[in-house]
Amino acid sequence: MKIAVSSDSSNLNARVAQRFGISHYLIIVDPETMGIEAIPNPGAAGKQAAGVQAVVIAISNEVDTVLTGYCSPTAVKYLTDNGIDVITGVKGTVAEAVAQYRKQAHAIPARSMEEPDFAGAALLHALKRSGMQIVNLLPIFVGVVLLIGLFNAFITQF
């Protein structure tokens, strides 16, 4: 079994990177021996298709699980389509993350951004933000309508 952990540095004491696609390293860990292989992520600069490059590294190294802070829905789809479980919301050091995963491996469900409850939460969040934008624009809209009415009432046409 192999676990890939997105990381800010190349050792077990490094912090887990909060974004899979632009993490500086992917650390491949054998949880039985705690042997590691630190692979620099070419997408760390954050350029276009950074997440895809990290996905290619994970797939080509035949990992079974990815531990990270956040993984985009596109990356999750490619990883899960290739039989790789994705666990997001991971914090702490790489060693702590692997130890926590080993301790609760049977209890942690593979989480992906495509689960129905995530889609519902995203929709609810988008609706709340849209509603707040409409509420913020409403006074401006009412003012414009009133000004147009005043101009029509007091300015004669030639």
N, C-alpha and C. Protein backbone atom coordinates (compact mmCIF):
# COMPACT_ATOMS: atom_id res chain seq x y z
N MET A 1 0.84 -1.18 0.00
CA MET A 1 0.00 0.00 0.00
C MET A 1 0.88 1.24 0.00
N LYS A 2 0.48 2.24 -0.78
CA LYS A 2 1.21 3.50 -0.84
C LYS A 2 0.23 4.65 -0.59
N ILE A 3 0.71 5.63 0.17
CA ILE A 3 -0.08 6.82 0.46
C ILE A 3 0.68 8.02 -0.06
N ALA A 4 0.01 8.89 -0.83
CA ALA A 4 0.62 10.14 -1.29
C ALA A 4 0.07 11.27 -0.43
N VAL A 5 0.99 12.07 0.12
CA VAL A 5 0.60 13.20 0.96
C VAL A 5 1.13 14.47 0.32
N SER A 6 0.25 15.44 0.08
CA SER A 6 0.72 16.73 -0.44
C SER A 6 1.46 17.44 0.70
N SER A 7 2.61 18.00 0.37
CA SER A 7 3.47 18.52 1.42
C SER A 7 4.17 19.81 1.00
N ASP A 8 4.55 20.61 2.01
CA ASP A 8 5.28 21.85 1.76
C ASP A 8 6.78 21.61 1.69
N SER A 9 7.25 20.45 2.17
CA SER A 9 8.68 20.14 2.19
C SER A 9 8.85 18.65 1.90
N SER A 10 10.09 18.19 1.96
CA SER A 10 10.36 16.82 1.49
C SER A 10 10.62 15.80 2.59
N ASN A 11 10.12 16.01 3.81
CA ASN A 11 10.35 15.04 4.87
C ASN A 11 9.06 14.78 5.66
N LEU A 12 9.13 13.83 6.57
CA LEU A 12 7.94 13.45 7.34
C LEU A 12 7.49 14.52 8.32
N ASN A 13 8.39 15.44 8.69
CA ASN A 13 8.02 16.51 9.63
C ASN A 13 7.45 17.73 8.93
N ALA A 14 7.32 17.67 7.61
CA ALA A 14 6.77 18.79 6.84
C ALA A 14 5.27 18.89 7.07
N ARG A 15 4.74 20.09 6.92
CA ARG A 15 3.31 20.31 7.05
C ARG A 15 2.59 19.77 5.81
N VAL A 16 1.40 19.27 6.01
CA VAL A 16 0.57 18.82 4.89
C VAL A 16 0.13 20.07 4.14
N ALA A 17 0.35 20.09 2.83
CA ALA A 17 -0.04 21.24 2.01
C ALA A 17 -1.56 21.32 1.94
N GLN A 18 -2.07 22.50 1.94
CA GLN A 18 -3.51 22.67 1.94
C GLN A 18 -4.13 22.60 0.56
N ARG A 19 -3.32 22.61 -0.50
CA ARG A 19 -3.85 22.47 -1.86
C ARG A 19 -3.03 21.41 -2.58
N PHE A 20 -3.71 20.37 -3.03
CA PHE A 20 -3.06 19.24 -3.66
C PHE A 20 -2.30 19.64 -4.92
N GLY A 21 -2.93 20.38 -5.80
CA GLY A 21 -2.35 20.68 -7.11
C GLY A 21 -1.11 21.54 -7.07
N ILE A 22 -1.01 22.44 -6.08
CA ILE A 22 0.13 23.35 -6.04
C ILE A 22 1.04 23.10 -4.84
N SER A 23 0.94 21.91 -4.27
CA SER A 23 1.86 21.56 -3.18
C SER A 23 3.28 21.45 -3.74
N HIS A 24 4.26 21.74 -2.92
CA HIS A 24 5.64 21.70 -3.38
C HIS A 24 6.12 20.27 -3.63
N TYR A 25 5.64 19.34 -2.81
CA TYR A 25 6.06 17.95 -2.94
C TYR A 25 4.85 17.03 -2.78
N LEU A 26 4.96 15.86 -3.37
CA LEU A 26 4.08 14.75 -3.05
C LEU A 26 4.99 13.72 -2.38
N ILE A 27 4.70 13.42 -1.15
CA ILE A 27 5.51 12.44 -0.43
C ILE A 27 4.77 11.11 -0.49
N ILE A 28 5.41 10.13 -1.10
CA ILE A 28 4.86 8.79 -1.20
C ILE A 28 5.35 8.02 0.02
N VAL A 29 4.43 7.55 0.84
CA VAL A 29 4.77 6.90 2.10
C VAL A 29 4.28 5.46 2.07
N ASP A 30 5.14 4.54 2.49
CA ASP A 30 4.74 3.17 2.75
C ASP A 30 4.36 3.14 4.23
N PRO A 31 3.08 3.01 4.58
CA PRO A 31 2.68 3.13 5.98
C PRO A 31 3.21 2.01 6.88
N GLU A 32 3.60 0.90 6.31
CA GLU A 32 4.12 -0.20 7.12
C GLU A 32 5.55 0.09 7.59
N THR A 33 6.39 0.55 6.69
CA THR A 33 7.80 0.80 7.02
C THR A 33 8.09 2.27 7.28
N MET A 34 7.14 3.16 6.93
CA MET A 34 7.30 4.61 6.99
C MET A 34 8.44 5.09 6.10
N GLY A 35 8.77 4.29 5.09
CA GLY A 35 9.73 4.72 4.08
C GLY A 35 9.07 5.75 3.17
N ILE A 36 9.84 6.76 2.76
CA ILE A 36 9.27 7.82 1.95
C ILE A 36 10.04 8.03 0.65
N GLU A 37 9.33 8.59 -0.30
CA GLU A 37 9.94 9.07 -1.54
C GLU A 37 9.32 10.44 -1.78
N ALA A 38 10.12 11.49 -1.72
CA ALA A 38 9.63 12.85 -1.93
C ALA A 38 9.79 13.22 -3.40
N ILE A 39 8.68 13.53 -4.04
CA ILE A 39 8.70 13.87 -5.46
C ILE A 39 8.31 15.34 -5.62
N PRO A 40 9.19 16.16 -6.18
CA PRO A 40 8.84 17.57 -6.41
C PRO A 40 7.67 17.68 -7.38
N ASN A 41 6.75 18.56 -7.07
CA ASN A 41 5.57 18.76 -7.92
C ASN A 41 5.88 19.86 -8.94
N PRO A 42 5.90 19.53 -10.22
CA PRO A 42 6.17 20.56 -11.23
C PRO A 42 5.07 21.62 -11.30
N GLY A 43 3.92 21.35 -10.75
CA GLY A 43 2.81 22.31 -10.76
C GLY A 43 2.80 23.24 -9.57
N ALA A 44 3.84 23.23 -8.75
CA ALA A 44 3.88 24.04 -7.54
C ALA A 44 3.86 25.53 -7.83
N ALA A 45 4.27 25.93 -9.03
CA ALA A 45 4.27 27.35 -9.38
C ALA A 45 2.86 27.88 -9.56
N GLY A 46 1.88 27.00 -9.63
CA GLY A 46 0.49 27.42 -9.73
C GLY A 46 0.05 27.79 -11.12
N LYS A 47 0.79 27.37 -12.11
CA LYS A 47 0.40 27.67 -13.48
C LYS A 47 -0.74 26.76 -13.91
N GLN A 48 -1.20 26.96 -15.12
CA GLN A 48 -2.34 26.20 -15.63
C GLN A 48 -2.05 24.69 -15.61
N ALA A 49 -3.03 23.91 -15.25
CA ALA A 49 -2.98 22.45 -15.19
C ALA A 49 -2.06 21.94 -14.09
N ALA A 50 -1.88 22.72 -13.03
CA ALA A 50 -1.02 22.29 -11.92
C ALA A 50 -1.58 21.03 -11.26
N GLY A 51 -2.88 20.99 -11.06
CA GLY A 51 -3.49 19.82 -10.42
C GLY A 51 -3.34 18.56 -11.24
N VAL A 52 -3.40 18.69 -12.54
CA VAL A 52 -3.27 17.53 -13.42
C VAL A 52 -1.88 16.93 -13.30
N GLN A 53 -0.88 17.77 -13.16
CA GLN A 53 0.49 17.27 -13.01
C GLN A 53 0.63 16.47 -11.72
N ALA A 54 0.01 16.94 -10.64
CA ALA A 54 0.06 16.20 -9.38
C ALA A 54 -0.71 14.88 -9.49
N VAL A 55 -1.82 14.89 -10.22
CA VAL A 55 -2.59 13.66 -10.44
C VAL A 55 -1.75 12.65 -11.20
N VAL A 56 -1.03 13.10 -12.22
CA VAL A 56 -0.18 12.20 -13.00
C VAL A 56 0.89 11.57 -12.11
N ILE A 57 1.48 12.36 -11.22
CA ILE A 57 2.49 11.82 -10.30
C ILE A 57 1.87 10.73 -9.42
N ALA A 58 0.68 11.00 -8.88
CA ALA A 58 0.03 10.02 -8.00
C ALA A 58 -0.31 8.73 -8.75
N ILE A 59 -0.84 8.87 -9.94
CA ILE A 59 -1.23 7.69 -10.72
C ILE A 59 -0.01 6.90 -11.16
N SER A 60 1.03 7.61 -11.64
CA SER A 60 2.21 6.91 -12.14
C SER A 60 2.99 6.20 -11.02
N ASN A 61 2.83 6.67 -9.79
CA ASN A 61 3.50 6.00 -8.66
C ASN A 61 2.60 4.96 -8.01
N GLU A 62 1.46 4.70 -8.60
CA GLU A 62 0.54 3.66 -8.16
C GLU A 62 0.17 3.75 -6.68
N VAL A 63 -0.19 4.96 -6.25
CA VAL A 63 -0.61 5.13 -4.86
C VAL A 63 -2.04 4.63 -4.69
N ASP A 64 -2.38 4.30 -3.46
CA ASP A 64 -3.72 3.81 -3.15
C ASP A 64 -4.60 4.90 -2.56
N THR A 65 -3.96 5.86 -1.87
CA THR A 65 -4.70 6.91 -1.17
C THR A 65 -3.94 8.22 -1.28
N VAL A 66 -4.67 9.33 -1.38
CA VAL A 66 -4.09 10.67 -1.35
C VAL A 66 -4.63 11.38 -0.12
N LEU A 67 -3.73 11.95 0.68
CA LEU A 67 -4.10 12.75 1.84
C LEU A 67 -3.71 14.19 1.55
N THR A 68 -4.65 15.12 1.70
CA THR A 68 -4.37 16.52 1.40
C THR A 68 -5.36 17.42 2.11
N GLY A 69 -5.08 18.70 2.08
CA GLY A 69 -6.00 19.66 2.66
C GLY A 69 -7.22 19.87 1.77
N TYR A 70 -6.97 20.15 0.49
CA TYR A 70 -8.03 20.37 -0.48
C TYR A 70 -7.60 19.81 -1.82
N CYS A 71 -8.55 19.23 -2.52
CA CYS A 71 -8.29 18.68 -3.85
C CYS A 71 -9.46 19.10 -4.74
N SER A 72 -9.18 19.67 -5.90
CA SER A 72 -10.23 20.15 -6.78
C SER A 72 -11.12 18.99 -7.25
N PRO A 73 -12.36 19.29 -7.59
CA PRO A 73 -13.27 18.23 -8.07
C PRO A 73 -12.73 17.51 -9.30
N THR A 74 -12.04 18.23 -10.18
CA THR A 74 -11.47 17.60 -11.38
C THR A 74 -10.39 16.59 -11.00
N ALA A 75 -9.50 17.00 -10.09
CA ALA A 75 -8.44 16.10 -9.66
C ALA A 75 -9.02 14.89 -8.93
N VAL A 76 -10.04 15.13 -8.10
CA VAL A 76 -10.68 14.02 -7.39
C VAL A 76 -11.27 13.03 -8.38
N LYS A 77 -11.90 13.53 -9.43
CA LYS A 77 -12.50 12.65 -10.43
C LYS A 77 -11.44 11.77 -11.09
N TYR A 78 -10.34 12.37 -11.52
CA TYR A 78 -9.27 11.59 -12.16
C TYR A 78 -8.67 10.57 -11.20
N LEU A 79 -8.46 10.98 -9.96
CA LEU A 79 -7.86 10.06 -8.98
C LEU A 79 -8.80 8.90 -8.68
N THR A 80 -10.08 9.20 -8.41
CA THR A 80 -11.01 8.12 -8.07
C THR A 80 -11.29 7.22 -9.27
N ASP A 81 -11.27 7.80 -10.48
CA ASP A 81 -11.43 6.97 -11.68
C ASP A 81 -10.30 5.97 -11.83
N ASN A 82 -9.15 6.27 -11.24
CA ASN A 82 -8.00 5.37 -11.30
C ASN A 82 -7.85 4.55 -10.02
N GLY A 83 -8.90 4.49 -9.21
CA GLY A 83 -8.91 3.64 -8.03
C GLY A 83 -8.17 4.20 -6.83
N ILE A 84 -7.94 5.50 -6.80
CA ILE A 84 -7.22 6.13 -5.69
C ILE A 84 -8.23 6.83 -4.80
N ASP A 85 -8.20 6.49 -3.50
CA ASP A 85 -9.06 7.15 -2.53
C ASP A 85 -8.49 8.53 -2.22
N VAL A 86 -9.37 9.51 -2.03
CA VAL A 86 -8.93 10.88 -1.74
C VAL A 86 -9.52 11.30 -0.40
N ILE A 87 -8.65 11.66 0.52
CA ILE A 87 -9.06 12.14 1.84
C ILE A 87 -8.65 13.61 1.93
N THR A 88 -9.63 14.49 2.10
CA THR A 88 -9.35 15.92 2.20
C THR A 88 -9.54 16.39 3.64
N GLY A 89 -9.17 17.63 3.89
CA GLY A 89 -9.31 18.20 5.23
C GLY A 89 -8.21 17.75 6.18
N VAL A 90 -7.10 17.24 5.65
CA VAL A 90 -6.01 16.73 6.46
C VAL A 90 -5.13 17.90 6.91
N LYS A 91 -4.75 17.90 8.18
CA LYS A 91 -3.89 18.95 8.73
C LYS A 91 -2.77 18.31 9.53
N GLY A 92 -1.79 19.10 9.89
CA GLY A 92 -0.67 18.61 10.69
C GLY A 92 0.51 18.26 9.82
N THR A 93 1.40 17.43 10.36
CA THR A 93 2.57 17.00 9.61
C THR A 93 2.25 15.75 8.80
N VAL A 94 3.14 15.43 7.89
CA VAL A 94 2.95 14.24 7.06
C VAL A 94 2.91 12.99 7.94
N ALA A 95 3.83 12.89 8.90
CA ALA A 95 3.87 11.73 9.79
C ALA A 95 2.58 11.60 10.59
N GLU A 96 2.07 12.74 11.10
CA GLU A 96 0.82 12.71 11.86
C GLU A 96 -0.36 12.28 10.97
N ALA A 97 -0.38 12.78 9.75
CA ALA A 97 -1.46 12.44 8.84
C ALA A 97 -1.47 10.96 8.52
N VAL A 98 -0.29 10.39 8.26
CA VAL A 98 -0.20 8.96 7.95
C VAL A 98 -0.57 8.14 9.17
N ALA A 99 -0.09 8.54 10.35
CA ALA A 99 -0.43 7.82 11.58
C ALA A 99 -1.94 7.85 11.83
N GLN A 100 -2.54 9.01 11.64
CA GLN A 100 -3.98 9.14 11.83
C GLN A 100 -4.73 8.28 10.81
N TYR A 101 -4.26 8.26 9.58
CA TYR A 101 -4.89 7.44 8.55
C TYR A 101 -4.77 5.95 8.91
N ARG A 102 -3.60 5.54 9.34
CA ARG A 102 -3.41 4.12 9.71
C ARG A 102 -4.32 3.73 10.86
N LYS A 103 -4.46 4.64 11.83
CA LYS A 103 -5.26 4.35 13.01
C LYS A 103 -6.75 4.24 12.66
N GLN A 104 -7.19 5.07 11.72
CA GLN A 104 -8.61 5.09 11.39
C GLN A 104 -8.90 4.68 9.95
N ALA A 105 -8.01 3.93 9.34
CA ALA A 105 -8.16 3.57 7.92
C ALA A 105 -9.50 2.90 7.64
N HIS A 106 -9.95 2.07 8.54
CA HIS A 106 -11.22 1.39 8.31
C HIS A 106 -12.41 2.30 8.58
N ALA A 107 -12.22 3.38 9.34
CA ALA A 107 -13.33 4.25 9.70
C ALA A 107 -13.45 5.49 8.81
N ILE A 108 -12.39 5.83 8.06
CA ILE A 108 -12.42 7.04 7.22
C ILE A 108 -13.00 6.69 5.86
N PRO A 109 -14.14 7.25 5.52
CA PRO A 109 -14.66 7.00 4.17
C PRO A 109 -13.90 7.86 3.17
N ALA A 110 -13.75 7.36 1.97
CA ALA A 110 -13.14 8.15 0.91
C ALA A 110 -14.07 9.29 0.59
N ARG A 111 -13.55 10.50 0.67
CA ARG A 111 -14.38 11.67 0.43
C ARG A 111 -14.00 12.30 -0.89
N SER A 112 -14.97 12.65 -1.65
CA SER A 112 -14.70 13.38 -2.88
C SER A 112 -15.64 14.56 -2.94
N MET A 113 -15.29 15.51 -3.75
CA MET A 113 -16.08 16.72 -3.87
C MET A 113 -17.37 16.49 -4.64
N GLU A 114 -17.57 15.31 -5.18
CA GLU A 114 -18.76 15.04 -5.97
C GLU A 114 -19.88 14.40 -5.17
N GLU A 115 -19.69 14.24 -3.87
CA GLU A 115 -20.74 13.66 -3.05
C GLU A 115 -21.93 14.60 -3.03
N PRO A 116 -23.14 14.05 -2.96
CA PRO A 116 -24.34 14.89 -3.00
C PRO A 116 -24.39 15.94 -1.90
N ASP A 117 -23.93 15.61 -0.68
CA ASP A 117 -23.99 16.60 0.38
C ASP A 117 -23.05 17.77 0.11
N PHE A 118 -21.93 17.54 -0.55
CA PHE A 118 -21.04 18.65 -0.90
C PHE A 118 -21.69 19.52 -1.96
N ALA A 119 -22.32 18.90 -2.95
CA ALA A 119 -22.97 19.67 -4.01
C ALA A 119 -24.08 20.54 -3.42
N GLY A 120 -24.83 19.99 -2.48
CA GLY A 120 -25.88 20.76 -1.83
C GLY A 120 -25.32 21.91 -1.03
N ALA A 121 -24.21 21.70 -0.33
CA ALA A 121 -23.58 22.76 0.45
C ALA A 121 -23.04 23.84 -0.48
N ALA A 122 -22.47 23.45 -1.60
CA ALA A 122 -21.94 24.43 -2.55
C ALA A 122 -23.08 25.25 -3.15
N LEU A 123 -24.19 24.60 -3.48
CA LEU A 123 -25.34 25.30 -4.02
C LEU A 123 -25.90 26.29 -3.00
N LEU A 124 -26.02 25.86 -1.76
CA LEU A 124 -26.52 26.73 -0.70
C LEU A 124 -25.61 27.94 -0.52
N HIS A 125 -24.31 27.71 -0.51
CA HIS A 125 -23.35 28.81 -0.37
C HIS A 125 -23.46 29.79 -1.54
N ALA A 126 -23.59 29.27 -2.75
CA ALA A 126 -23.71 30.13 -3.94
C ALA A 126 -24.99 30.95 -3.89
N LEU A 127 -26.08 30.33 -3.46
CA LEU A 127 -27.35 31.06 -3.35
C LEU A 127 -27.27 32.16 -2.30
N LYS A 128 -26.62 31.90 -1.18
CA LYS A 128 -26.47 32.92 -0.14
C LYS A 128 -25.66 34.10 -0.66
N ARG A 129 -24.55 33.81 -1.35
CA ARG A 129 -23.72 34.90 -1.89
C ARG A 129 -24.47 35.69 -2.94
N SER A 130 -25.22 35.02 -3.80
CA SER A 130 -26.00 35.72 -4.83
C SER A 130 -27.07 36.59 -4.19
N GLY A 131 -27.72 36.07 -3.18
CA GLY A 131 -28.74 36.85 -2.48
C GLY A 131 -28.16 38.09 -1.84
N MET A 132 -26.98 37.97 -1.23
CA MET A 132 -26.33 39.12 -0.61
C MET A 132 -25.94 40.16 -1.66
N GLN A 133 -25.51 39.73 -2.83
CA GLN A 133 -25.16 40.67 -3.89
C GLN A 133 -26.40 41.43 -4.37
N ILE A 134 -27.52 40.73 -4.48
CA ILE A 134 -28.77 41.39 -4.90
C ILE A 134 -29.20 42.40 -3.85
N VAL A 135 -29.12 42.03 -2.58
CA VAL A 135 -29.49 42.94 -1.50
C VAL A 135 -28.59 44.17 -1.51
N ASN A 136 -27.30 43.99 -1.76
CA ASN A 136 -26.38 45.13 -1.81
C ASN A 136 -26.63 46.03 -3.02
N LEU A 137 -27.09 45.48 -4.13
CA LEU A 137 -27.34 46.27 -5.34
C LEU A 137 -28.73 46.91 -5.36
N LEU A 138 -29.65 46.45 -4.53
CA LEU A 138 -31.02 46.93 -4.54
C LEU A 138 -31.12 48.44 -4.31
N PRO A 139 -30.44 49.05 -3.34
CA PRO A 139 -30.53 50.51 -3.18
C PRO A 139 -30.05 51.29 -4.41
N ILE A 140 -29.02 50.79 -5.05
CA ILE A 140 -28.52 51.46 -6.25
C ILE A 140 -29.57 51.38 -7.36
N PHE A 141 -30.16 50.23 -7.53
CA PHE A 141 -31.18 50.04 -8.56
C PHE A 141 -32.38 50.96 -8.30
N VAL A 142 -32.84 51.04 -7.06
CA VAL A 142 -33.98 51.90 -6.71
C VAL A 142 -33.62 53.36 -6.97
N GLY A 143 -32.41 53.77 -6.63
CA GLY A 143 -31.98 55.15 -6.88
C GLY A 143 -31.96 55.49 -8.35
N VAL A 144 -31.49 54.59 -9.18
CA VAL A 144 -31.46 54.83 -10.63
C VAL A 144 -32.88 54.97 -11.17
N VAL A 145 -33.79 54.11 -10.75
CA VAL A 145 -35.17 54.18 -11.21
C VAL A 145 -35.81 55.51 -10.78
N LEU A 146 -35.57 55.95 -9.55
CA LEU A 146 -36.12 57.22 -9.07
C LEU A 146 -35.54 58.41 -9.85
N LEU A 147 -34.25 58.40 -10.13
CA LEU A 147 -33.64 59.48 -10.92
C LEU A 147 -34.23 59.54 -12.32
N ILE A 148 -34.42 58.41 -12.95
CA ILE A 148 -35.03 58.38 -14.28
C ILE A 148 -36.45 58.96 -14.22
N GLY A 149 -37.19 58.62 -13.18
CA GLY A 149 -38.55 59.17 -13.00
C GLY A 149 -38.53 60.67 -12.81
N LEU A 150 -37.57 61.19 -12.02
CA LEU A 150 -37.45 62.63 -11.81
C LEU A 150 -37.09 63.34 -13.10
N PHE A 151 -36.15 62.80 -13.85
CA PHE A 151 -35.77 63.41 -15.11
C PHE A 151 -36.95 63.45 -16.08
N ASN A 152 -37.70 62.40 -16.15
CA ASN A 152 -38.87 62.37 -17.03
C ASN A 152 -39.93 63.37 -16.59
N ALA A 153 -40.09 63.59 -15.30
CA ALA A 153 -41.12 64.50 -14.79
C ALA A 153 -40.73 65.96 -14.94
N PHE A 154 -39.48 66.33 -14.75
CA PHE A 154 -39.09 67.73 -14.72
C PHE A 154 -38.32 68.23 -15.93
N ILE A 155 -37.82 67.40 -16.76
CA ILE A 155 -37.08 67.84 -17.94
C ILE A 155 -37.99 67.64 -19.16
N THR A 156 -38.24 68.75 -19.86
CA THR A 156 -39.10 68.66 -21.04
C THR A 156 -38.30 68.23 -22.24
N GLN A 157 -38.99 67.64 -23.17
CA GLN A 157 -38.34 67.19 -24.39
C GLN A 157 -38.41 68.29 -25.42
N PHE A 158 -37.39 68.45 -26.23
CA PHE A 158 -37.37 69.48 -27.27
C PHE A 158 -37.77 68.94 -28.56
